Amino acid sequence: MIFDTLENLPKYAHLLGGIKEAVRCLQNEDFTEKAVGPYKTNDPDCRYNIGEYETSDKDKRFETHRREADIQIMLKGSEIMEYTSPGLCKNHGEYIKERDISFADGDTLLRFTAVPGSFALFFAGEPHKPGLPVSTPEKVKKVVFKIKDKDSK
């Protein structure tokens, strides 16, 4: 897991091939005005989703992906994200192959506030819990790049 400012995202391009494409997209497109929904990029290993929702702590569980890493970037508003170790997760739900996701309960190891200008990179297999309110629920807009992790199972 990496949490850093967007200006430093290019420094991590050697970790996953699709990061270069995410950087290119961020430099050439205005994501704040794009409609909610899924988008493809020029790289078949990199796609993204734009979402708008209200932050909430109700019924939140850690999510884990097996095949793809997430680069989560706040466009409007802020939210709390949590991270934990796979070994601290319990009560695992069923893996949903079509969505590359499973959910579990667990103890939080790291909690941080995501704001515009920052990003969180969660590698495949790293449990994370985004979308939590900073103090009170607020409407946020976010882009999540989904990057195929060639080292994942």
Foldseek 3Di string as FASTA:
>chain_A
DDKWFPVCQVVCCVQAVCSVQVNVCVVPDDPLPDDFAKADTPDPQKIKGKDKDKFAPPPWFWKAFQWWKKKKAWDDDKWKKFWDAPVFWDPKDDQDVVVRMITTHGDTPDIDMHDHRMIDIGGGRIIMTIRHHPPDIDMTMMMMMIGTDPPGD
